[in-house]
PDB file of N, CA and C in Angstrom:
ATOM      1  N   MET A   1      -4.728  -5.814   1.446  1.00  0.00           N
ATOM      2  CA  MET A   1      -3.723  -6.104   0.656  1.00  0.00           C
ATOM      3  C   MET A   1      -2.345  -6.506   1.400  1.00  0.00           C
ATOM      4  N   LYS A   2      -1.891  -7.260   0.484  1.00  0.00           N
ATOM      5  CA  LYS A   2      -0.523  -7.600   0.786  1.00  0.00           C
ATOM      6  C   LYS A   2       0.830  -7.350  -0.207  1.00  0.00           C
ATOM      7  N   SER A   3       2.126  -7.273   0.406  1.00  0.00           N
ATOM      8  CA  SER A   3       2.926  -6.605  -0.502  1.00  0.00           C
ATOM      9  C   SER A   3       3.570  -7.586  -1.405  1.00  0.00           C
ATOM     10  N   PRO A   4       3.529  -6.967  -2.505  1.00  0.00           N
ATOM     11  CA  PRO A   4       3.941  -8.008  -3.759  1.00  0.00           C
ATOM     12  C   PRO A   4       5.515  -8.178  -3.990  1.00  0.00           C
ATOM     13  N   LEU A   5       6.404  -7.297  -3.346  1.00  0.00           N
ATOM     14  CA  LEU A   5       7.766  -6.949  -3.195  1.00  0.00           C
ATOM     15  C   LEU A   5       8.305  -6.940  -1.803  1.00  0.00           C
ATOM     16  N   ALA A   6       9.420  -6.995  -1.754  1.00  0.00           N
ATOM     17  CA  ALA A   6      10.105  -6.877  -0.569  1.00  0.00           C
ATOM     18  C   ALA A   6      10.817  -5.348  -0.712  1.00  0.00           C
ATOM     19  N   GLY A   7      10.541  -4.160   0.018  1.00  0.00           N
ATOM     20  CA  GLY A   7      11.236  -3.140  -0.152  1.00  0.00           C
ATOM     21  C   GLY A   7      10.758  -2.263   1.133  1.00  0.00           C
ATOM     22  N   ASN A   8      11.094  -1.030   0.720  1.00  0.00           N
ATOM     23  CA  ASN A   8      10.971   0.072   1.857  1.00  0.00           C
ATOM     24  C   ASN A   8       9.728   0.772   1.734  1.00  0.00           C
ATOM     25  N   ILE A   9       8.646   1.216   1.947  1.00  0.00           N
ATOM     26  CA  ILE A   9       7.665   2.146   1.980  1.00  0.00           C
ATOM     27  C   ILE A   9       8.111   3.270   2.260  1.00  0.00           C
ATOM     28  N   VAL A  10       7.870   3.894   0.748  1.00  0.00           N
ATOM     29  CA  VAL A  10       8.254   5.798   0.349  1.00  0.00           C
ATOM     30  C   VAL A  10       6.895   6.514   0.914  1.00  0.00           C
ATOM     31  N   ARG A  11       5.704   6.191   0.458  1.00  0.00           N
ATOM     32  CA  ARG A  11       4.823   7.177   0.650  1.00  0.00           C
ATOM     33  C   ARG A  11       3.252   6.281   0.928  1.00  0.00           C
ATOM     34  N   VAL A  12       2.508   6.748   1.944  1.00  0.00           N
ATOM     35  CA  VAL A  12       1.296   6.086   2.043  1.00  0.00           C
ATOM     36  C   VAL A  12       0.259   7.156   1.497  1.00  0.00           C
ATOM     37  N   GLU A  13      -0.375   6.853   0.476  1.00  0.00           N
ATOM     38  CA  GLU A  13      -1.532   7.988  -0.161  1.00  0.00           C
ATOM     39  C   GLU A  13      -2.729   7.990   0.641  1.00  0.00           C
ATOM     40  N   VAL A  14      -3.126   7.008   1.304  1.00  0.00           N
ATOM     41  CA  VAL A  14      -4.411   6.855   1.918  1.00  0.00           C
ATOM     42  C   VAL A  14      -4.669   6.723   3.212  1.00  0.00           C
ATOM     43  N   ALA A  15      -5.613   7.000   4.073  1.00  0.00           N
ATOM     44  CA  ALA A  15      -5.625   6.622   5.701  1.00  0.00           C
ATOM     45  C   ALA A  15      -6.910   6.164   6.012  1.00  0.00           C
ATOM     46  N   ALA A  16      -6.968   5.510   6.756  1.00  0.00           N
ATOM     47  CA  ALA A  16      -8.082   4.898   7.352  1.00  0.00           C
ATOM     48  C   ALA A  16      -9.530   5.448   7.139  1.00  0.00           C
ATOM     49  N   GLY A  17     -10.495   5.035   6.513  1.00  0.00           N
ATOM     50  CA  GLY A  17     -11.813   6.008   6.490  1.00  0.00           C
ATOM     51  C   GLY A  17     -11.929   6.428   4.875  1.00  0.00           C
ATOM     52  N   ASP A  18     -10.715   6.147   4.257  1.00  0.00           N
ATOM     53  CA  ASP A  18     -10.738   7.154   3.123  1.00  0.00           C
ATOM     54  C   ASP A  18     -11.374   5.951   1.649  1.00  0.00           C
ATOM     55  N   ARG A  19     -12.461   6.341   0.793  1.00  0.00           N
ATOM     56  CA  ARG A  19     -12.672   5.874  -0.078  1.00  0.00           C
ATOM     57  C   ARG A  19     -11.794   5.740  -1.400  1.00  0.00           C
ATOM     58  N   VAL A  20     -11.654   4.637  -1.987  1.00  0.00           N
ATOM     59  CA  VAL A  20     -10.672   4.341  -2.952  1.00  0.00           C
ATOM     60  C   VAL A  20     -11.628   3.752  -3.981  1.00  0.00           C
ATOM     61  N   ASN A  21     -11.058   3.915  -5.341  1.00  0.00           N
ATOM     62  CA  ASN A  21     -11.708   3.160  -6.606  1.00  0.00           C
ATOM     63  C   ASN A  21     -10.545   2.275  -6.862  1.00  0.00           C
ATOM     64  N   GLU A  22     -10.988   0.985  -7.706  1.00  0.00           N
ATOM     65  CA  GLU A  22     -10.152   0.347  -8.275  1.00  0.00           C
ATOM     66  C   GLU A  22      -9.292   1.108  -9.192  1.00  0.00           C
ATOM     67  N   GLY A  23      -7.858   0.726  -9.043  1.00  0.00           N
ATOM     68  CA  GLY A  23      -6.939   1.215  -9.693  1.00  0.00           C
ATOM     69  C   GLY A  23      -6.357   2.649  -9.180  1.00  0.00           C
ATOM     70  N   ASP A  24      -6.738   3.175  -7.862  1.00  0.00           N
ATOM     71  CA  ASP A  24      -5.948   4.329  -7.336  1.00  0.00           C
ATOM     72  C   ASP A  24      -4.921   3.745  -6.947  1.00  0.00           C
ATOM     73  N   ILE A  25      -4.006   4.853  -6.769  1.00  0.00           N
ATOM     74  CA  ILE A  25      -2.461   4.563  -6.163  1.00  0.00           C
ATOM     75  C   ILE A  25      -2.733   4.812  -4.709  1.00  0.00           C
ATOM     76  N   LEU A  26      -2.129   3.498  -3.651  1.00  0.00           N
ATOM     77  CA  LEU A  26      -2.399   3.502  -2.302  1.00  0.00           C
ATOM     78  C   LEU A  26      -1.152   3.830  -1.315  1.00  0.00           C
ATOM     79  N   ILE A  27       0.084   2.959  -2.076  1.00  0.00           N
ATOM     80  CA  ILE A  27       1.107   3.282  -1.530  1.00  0.00           C
ATOM     81  C   ILE A  27       2.226   3.162  -2.632  1.00  0.00           C
ATOM     82  N   ILE A  28       3.299   3.823  -2.470  1.00  0.00           N
ATOM     83  CA  ILE A  28       4.666   3.971  -3.172  1.00  0.00           C
ATOM     84  C   ILE A  28       5.835   3.129  -2.400  1.00  0.00           C
ATOM     85  N   LEU A  29       6.231   1.851  -2.976  1.00  0.00           N
ATOM     86  CA  LEU A  29       7.136   1.310  -2.605  1.00  0.00           C
ATOM     87  C   LEU A  29       8.223   1.047  -3.101  1.00  0.00           C
ATOM     88  N   GLU A  30       9.715   1.275  -2.491  1.00  0.00           N
ATOM     89  CA  GLU A  30      10.698   1.359  -3.108  1.00  0.00           C
ATOM     90  C   GLU A  30      11.594   0.006  -2.888  1.00  0.00           C
ATOM     91  N   ALA A  31      11.739  -0.835  -4.461  1.00  0.00           N
ATOM     92  CA  ALA A  31      12.393  -2.186  -4.071  1.00  0.00           C
ATOM     93  C   ALA A  31      13.754  -1.835  -5.188  1.00  0.00           C
ATOM     94  N   MET A  32      14.824  -2.237  -4.770  1.00  0.00           N
ATOM     95  CA  MET A  32      15.968  -2.133  -5.727  1.00  0.00           C
ATOM     96  C   MET A  32      16.136  -0.919  -6.620  1.00  0.00           C
ATOM     97  N   LYS A  33      15.964   0.089  -5.693  1.00  0.00           N
ATOM     98  CA  LYS A  33      16.141   1.448  -6.409  1.00  0.00           C
ATOM     99  C   LYS A  33      14.735   1.964  -7.347  1.00  0.00           C
ATOM    100  N   MET A  34      13.841   1.227  -7.508  1.00  0.00           N
ATOM    101  CA  MET A  34      12.961   1.363  -8.368  1.00  0.00           C
ATOM    102  C   MET A  34      11.639   1.861  -7.527  1.00  0.00           C
ATOM    103  N   GLU A  35      10.726   2.636  -7.842  1.00  0.00           N
ATOM    104  CA  GLU A  35       9.665   2.880  -7.130  1.00  0.00           C
ATOM    105  C   GLU A  35       8.379   2.213  -7.996  1.00  0.00           C
ATOM    106  N   THR A  36       7.696   1.188  -6.971  1.00  0.00           N
ATOM    107  CA  THR A  36       6.600   0.788  -7.706  1.00  0.00           C
ATOM    108  C   THR A  36       5.209   1.379  -7.004  1.00  0.00           C
ATOM    109  N   GLU A  37       4.078   1.498  -7.691  1.00  0.00           N
ATOM    110  CA  GLU A  37       2.808   2.037  -7.087  1.00  0.00           C
ATOM    111  C   GLU A  37       2.374   0.770  -6.879  1.00  0.00           C
ATOM    112  N   ILE A  38       1.499   0.679  -5.670  1.00  0.00           N
ATOM    113  CA  ILE A  38       0.475  -0.184  -5.332  1.00  0.00           C
ATOM    114  C   ILE A  38      -0.866   0.395  -5.093  1.00  0.00           C
ATOM    115  N   ARG A  39      -1.382  -0.413  -6.197  1.00  0.00           N
ATOM    116  CA  ARG A  39      -2.477  -0.051  -6.495  1.00  0.00           C
ATOM    117  C   ARG A  39      -4.093  -0.424  -6.019  1.00  0.00           C
ATOM    118  N   ALA A  40      -5.197  -0.241  -5.710  1.00  0.00           N
ATOM    119  CA  ALA A  40      -6.171  -0.809  -5.319  1.00  0.00           C
ATOM    120  C   ALA A  40      -6.587  -1.794  -6.151  1.00  0.00           C
ATOM    121  N   ALA A  41      -7.092  -3.263  -5.556  1.00  0.00           N
ATOM    122  CA  ALA A  41      -7.384  -4.110  -6.788  1.00  0.00           C
ATOM    123  C   ALA A  41      -9.187  -4.103  -6.635  1.00  0.00           C
ATOM    124  N   LYS A  42      -9.685  -3.283  -5.922  1.00  0.00           N
ATOM    125  CA  LYS A  42     -11.028  -3.098  -5.816  1.00  0.00           C
ATOM    126  C   LYS A  42     -11.343  -1.823  -5.484  1.00  0.00           C
ATOM    127  N   SER A  43     -12.653  -1.396  -5.294  1.00  0.00           N
ATOM    128  CA  SER A  43     -13.095  -0.271  -5.001  1.00  0.00           C
ATOM    129  C   SER A  43     -13.710  -0.607  -3.399  1.00  0.00           C
ATOM    130  N   GLY A  44     -13.850   0.688  -2.534  1.00  0.00           N
ATOM    131  CA  GLY A  44     -14.150   0.269  -1.208  1.00  0.00           C
ATOM    132  C   GLY A  44     -13.743   1.279  -0.470  1.00  0.00           C
ATOM    133  N   LEU A  45     -13.917   1.120   0.993  1.00  0.00           N
ATOM    134  CA  LEU A  45     -13.247   1.992   2.255  1.00  0.00           C
ATOM    135  C   LEU A  45     -11.940   1.384   2.647  1.00  0.00           C
ATOM    136  N   VAL A  46     -10.886   2.014   2.973  1.00  0.00           N
ATOM    137  CA  VAL A  46      -9.892   1.488   3.264  1.00  0.00           C
ATOM    138  C   VAL A  46     -10.391   1.361   5.059  1.00  0.00           C
ATOM    139  N   GLY A  47     -10.075  -0.007   5.465  1.00  0.00           N
ATOM    140  CA  GLY A  47     -10.313  -0.168   6.726  1.00  0.00           C
ATOM    141  C   GLY A  47      -9.297  -0.030   7.880  1.00  0.00           C
ATOM    142  N   SER A  48      -7.800  -0.367   7.094  1.00  0.00           N
ATOM    143  CA  SER A  48      -7.225   0.069   8.134  1.00  0.00           C
ATOM    144  C   SER A  48      -5.599   0.039   7.715  1.00  0.00           C
ATOM    145  N   VAL A  49      -4.508   0.856   7.923  1.00  0.00           N
ATOM    146  CA  VAL A  49      -3.368   0.875   7.287  1.00  0.00           C
ATOM    147  C   VAL A  49      -2.348   0.481   8.343  1.00  0.00           C
ATOM    148  N   ALA A  50      -1.521  -0.736   7.740  1.00  0.00           N
ATOM    149  CA  ALA A  50      -0.205  -1.400   8.525  1.00  0.00           C
ATOM    150  C   ALA A  50       0.942  -0.724   8.622  1.00  0.00           C
ATOM    151  N   VAL A  51       1.133   0.110   7.614  1.00  0.00           N
ATOM    152  CA  VAL A  51       2.324   0.455   7.181  1.00  0.00           C
ATOM    153  C   VAL A  51       2.330   1.942   7.289  1.00  0.00           C
ATOM    154  N   LYS A  52       3.949   2.762   7.362  1.00  0.00           N
ATOM    155  CA  LYS A  52       4.107   4.150   7.301  1.00  0.00           C
ATOM    156  C   LYS A  52       5.422   4.314   6.688  1.00  0.00           C
ATOM    157  N   SER A  53       5.417   5.391   6.082  1.00  0.00           N
ATOM    158  CA  SER A  53       6.813   5.858   5.438  1.00  0.00           C
ATOM    159  C   SER A  53       7.937   5.282   6.220  1.00  0.00           C
ATOM    160  N   GLY A  54       9.016   4.768   5.439  1.00  0.00           N
ATOM    161  CA  GLY A  54      10.084   4.364   6.347  1.00  0.00           C
ATOM    162  C   GLY A  54      10.107   2.867   6.742  1.00  0.00           C
ATOM    163  N   ASP A  55       8.800   2.250   6.590  1.00  0.00           N
ATOM    164  CA  ASP A  55       9.114   0.888   6.939  1.00  0.00           C
ATOM    165  C   ASP A  55       9.251  -0.046   5.853  1.00  0.00           C
ATOM    166  N   ALA A  56      10.121  -1.169   6.433  1.00  0.00           N
ATOM    167  CA  ALA A  56      10.591  -2.234   5.745  1.00  0.00           C
ATOM    168  C   ALA A  56       9.429  -3.187   5.663  1.00  0.00           C
ATOM    169  N   VAL A  57       9.050  -3.946   4.377  1.00  0.00           N
ATOM    170  CA  VAL A  57       8.274  -5.228   4.283  1.00  0.00           C
ATOM    171  C   VAL A  57       9.036  -5.868   3.504  1.00  0.00           C
ATOM    172  N   ALA A  58       8.372  -7.078   3.567  1.00  0.00           N
ATOM    173  CA  ALA A  58       8.942  -8.294   3.047  1.00  0.00           C
ATOM    174  C   ALA A  58       7.459  -8.884   2.135  1.00  0.00           C
ATOM    175  N   VAL A  59       7.677  -9.761   1.293  1.00  0.00           N
ATOM    176  CA  VAL A  59       6.733 -10.227   0.357  1.00  0.00           C
ATOM    177  C   VAL A  59       5.821 -10.985   1.162  1.00  0.00           C
ATOM    178  N   GLY A  60       4.166 -10.461   1.267  1.00  0.00           N
ATOM    179  CA  GLY A  60       3.663 -11.012   1.797  1.00  0.00           C
ATOM    180  C   GLY A  60       2.674 -10.330   3.045  1.00  0.00           C
ATOM    181  N   ASP A  61       3.639  -9.464   3.270  1.00  0.00           N
ATOM    182  CA  ASP A  61       3.376  -8.503   4.536  1.00  0.00           C
ATOM    183  C   ASP A  61       2.042  -7.812   4.340  1.00  0.00           C
ATOM    184  N   ALA A  62       1.245  -7.398   5.265  1.00  0.00           N
ATOM    185  CA  ALA A  62      -0.180  -6.918   5.270  1.00  0.00           C
ATOM    186  C   ALA A  62      -0.046  -5.334   4.917  1.00  0.00           C
ATOM    187  N   LEU A  63      -0.543  -4.987   4.421  1.00  0.00           N
ATOM    188  CA  LEU A  63      -0.175  -3.350   4.161  1.00  0.00           C
ATOM    189  C   LEU A  63      -1.476  -2.468   4.225  1.00  0.00           C
ATOM    190  N   LEU A  64      -2.667  -3.035   3.986  1.00  0.00           N
ATOM    191  CA  LEU A  64      -4.010  -2.330   4.392  1.00  0.00           C
ATOM    192  C   LEU A  64      -5.068  -3.164   4.168  1.00  0.00           C
ATOM    193  N   THR A  65      -6.231  -2.730   4.342  1.00  0.00           N
ATOM    194  CA  THR A  65      -7.319  -3.533   3.924  1.00  0.00           C
ATOM    195  C   THR A  65      -8.359  -2.593   3.599  1.00  0.00           C
ATOM    196  N   ILE A  66      -9.045  -3.158   2.330  1.00  0.00           N
ATOM    197  CA  ILE A  66     -10.390  -2.155   2.007  1.00  0.00           C
ATOM    198  C   ILE A  66     -11.310  -3.559   1.936  1.00  0.00           C
ATOM    199  N   GLY A  67     -12.545  -2.555   2.789  1.00  0.00           N
ATOM    200  CA  GLY A  67     -13.594  -3.503   2.793  1.00  0.00           C
ATOM    201  C   GLY A  67     -14.624  -2.940   1.869  1.00  0.00           C
TER     202      GLY A  67
END
């Protein structure tokens, strides 16, 4: 999954190996003083997480993989 906005990662709710369902909250991203929930686009297993709390991301940066 890629970042839909530029901002800072507030919280990562999942870890590699976690099973997620479509719509589950994966990451909380803060952009322009507003928190945005990044949700799973599909169900599956989290393969890797490329970000951690405090990281700054740009539009299109890789956040995590779901297999």
